[in-house]
Amino acid sequence: REIVMIAVSQDGCALFHAAVHLRADREIVMTAVSQNGNSLGFVVEHLKADREIARVAVSQDGMALRYVATDVKTDREIVIVAVSQNGCTLRNASE
């Protein structure tokens, strides 16, 4: 866990190489998405529905909205944060 935490704090996409149980560790995931929002793509499904994790990921990289759980993509606040960070991400928002 400690090694993975160090790795994702330097490169969030290092989460790709982590064991599944570490991809479900909320603290590790928050560190990873804070460093690289697109690391959300490597997170276990139930954490993709976590609004706080989603908000951090899209504020780091708006394009991370494509990895957010479908029901969270309808959250106006999260979509606004994502689009403010990267206008092109509007295509990833739900109606």
Protein backbone atom coordinates (compact mmCIF):
# COMPACT_ATOMS: atom_id res chain seq x y z
CA ARG A 1 0.00 0.00 0.00
CA GLU A 2 2.75 2.45 0.93
CA ILE A 3 4.61 1.84 -2.34
CA VAL A 4 1.45 2.30 -4.40
CA MET A 5 0.67 5.53 -2.52
CA ILE A 6 4.12 6.89 -3.37
CA ALA A 7 3.77 5.83 -7.00
CA VAL A 8 0.32 7.39 -7.55
CA SER A 9 1.35 10.61 -5.85
CA GLN A 10 4.01 10.97 -8.55
CA ASP A 11 1.96 9.57 -11.44
CA GLY A 12 -1.73 8.93 -10.91
CA CYS A 13 -1.81 6.51 -13.84
CA ALA A 14 0.47 4.18 -11.89
CA LEU A 15 -2.84 3.03 -10.42
CA PHE A 16 -3.14 0.88 -13.56
CA HIS A 17 -0.45 -1.42 -12.15
CA ALA A 18 -1.97 -1.69 -8.66
CA ALA A 19 -3.82 -4.72 -7.35
CA VAL A 20 -7.62 -4.49 -7.55
CA HIS A 21 -8.03 -4.12 -3.78
CA LEU A 22 -5.77 -1.05 -3.91
CA ARG A 23 -7.81 0.40 -6.77
CA ALA A 24 -10.71 0.22 -4.31
CA ASP A 25 -8.80 2.05 -1.57
CA ARG A 26 -10.41 5.49 -1.33
CA GLU A 27 -7.28 7.25 -0.06
CA ILE A 28 -5.10 5.82 -2.83
CA VAL A 29 -7.73 6.68 -5.43
CA MET A 30 -8.05 10.28 -4.18
CA THR A 31 -4.28 10.67 -4.36
CA ALA A 32 -4.19 9.24 -7.88
CA VAL A 33 -7.02 11.38 -9.29
CA SER A 34 -5.59 14.47 -7.61
CA GLN A 35 -2.38 13.88 -9.54
CA ASN A 36 -4.01 12.76 -12.81
CA GLY A 37 -7.77 12.91 -13.23
CA ASN A 38 -7.71 10.30 -15.96
CA SER A 39 -6.50 7.69 -13.50
CA LEU A 40 -10.20 7.44 -12.65
CA GLY A 41 -10.33 5.02 -15.57
CA PHE A 42 -8.44 2.46 -13.46
CA VAL A 43 -10.66 2.74 -10.38
CA VAL A 44 -13.18 0.10 -9.28
CA GLU A 45 -16.71 0.87 -10.45
CA HIS A 46 -18.29 1.84 -7.12
CA LEU A 47 -15.72 4.60 -6.58
CA LYS A 48 -16.46 6.03 -10.03
CA ALA A 49 -19.86 6.86 -8.53
CA ASP A 50 -18.31 8.73 -5.58
CA ARG A 51 -19.10 12.40 -6.18
CA GLU A 52 -16.13 13.71 -4.22
CA ILE A 53 -13.69 11.52 -6.17
CA ALA A 54 -15.39 12.53 -9.43
CA ARG A 55 -15.17 16.22 -8.55
CA VAL A 56 -11.46 15.97 -7.78
CA ALA A 57 -10.78 14.00 -10.97
CA VAL A 58 -12.62 16.40 -13.29
CA SER A 59 -11.13 19.46 -11.63
CA GLN A 60 -7.69 18.02 -12.39
CA ASP A 61 -8.65 17.04 -15.95
CA GLY A 62 -12.12 17.75 -17.29
CA MET A 63 -11.83 14.87 -19.75
CA ALA A 64 -11.95 12.48 -16.77
CA LEU A 65 -15.72 12.95 -16.93
CA ARG A 66 -15.76 10.09 -19.46
CA TYR A 67 -14.84 7.69 -16.61
CA VAL A 68 -17.39 8.95 -14.08
CA ALA A 69 -20.39 6.71 -13.33
CA THR A 70 -23.41 7.46 -15.51
CA ASP A 71 -25.60 8.79 -12.70
CA VAL A 72 -22.84 11.19 -11.61
CA LYS A 73 -22.56 12.56 -15.16
CA THR A 74 -25.97 14.14 -14.59
CA ASP A 75 -24.70 16.09 -11.56
CA ARG A 76 -24.75 19.69 -12.75
CA GLU A 77 -21.98 20.81 -10.37
CA ILE A 78 -19.58 18.09 -11.54
CA VAL A 79 -20.30 18.80 -15.21
CA ILE A 80 -19.70 22.53 -14.65
CA VAL A 81 -16.35 21.81 -12.98
CA ALA A 82 -15.38 19.47 -15.83
CA VAL A 83 -16.41 21.87 -18.60
CA SER A 84 -14.72 24.78 -16.82
CA GLN A 85 -11.50 22.79 -16.83
CA ASN A 86 -11.88 21.60 -20.45
CA GLY A 87 -14.74 22.77 -22.64
CA CYS A 88 -14.41 19.75 -24.94
CA THR A 89 -15.59 17.48 -22.16
CA LEU A 90 -19.20 18.60 -22.66
CA ARG A 91 -19.56 15.70 -25.10
CA ASN A 92 -19.03 13.30 -22.15
CA ALA A 93 -21.85 14.75 -20.04
CA SER A 94 -25.22 13.04 -19.74
CA GLU A 95 -28.36 14.87 -20.83
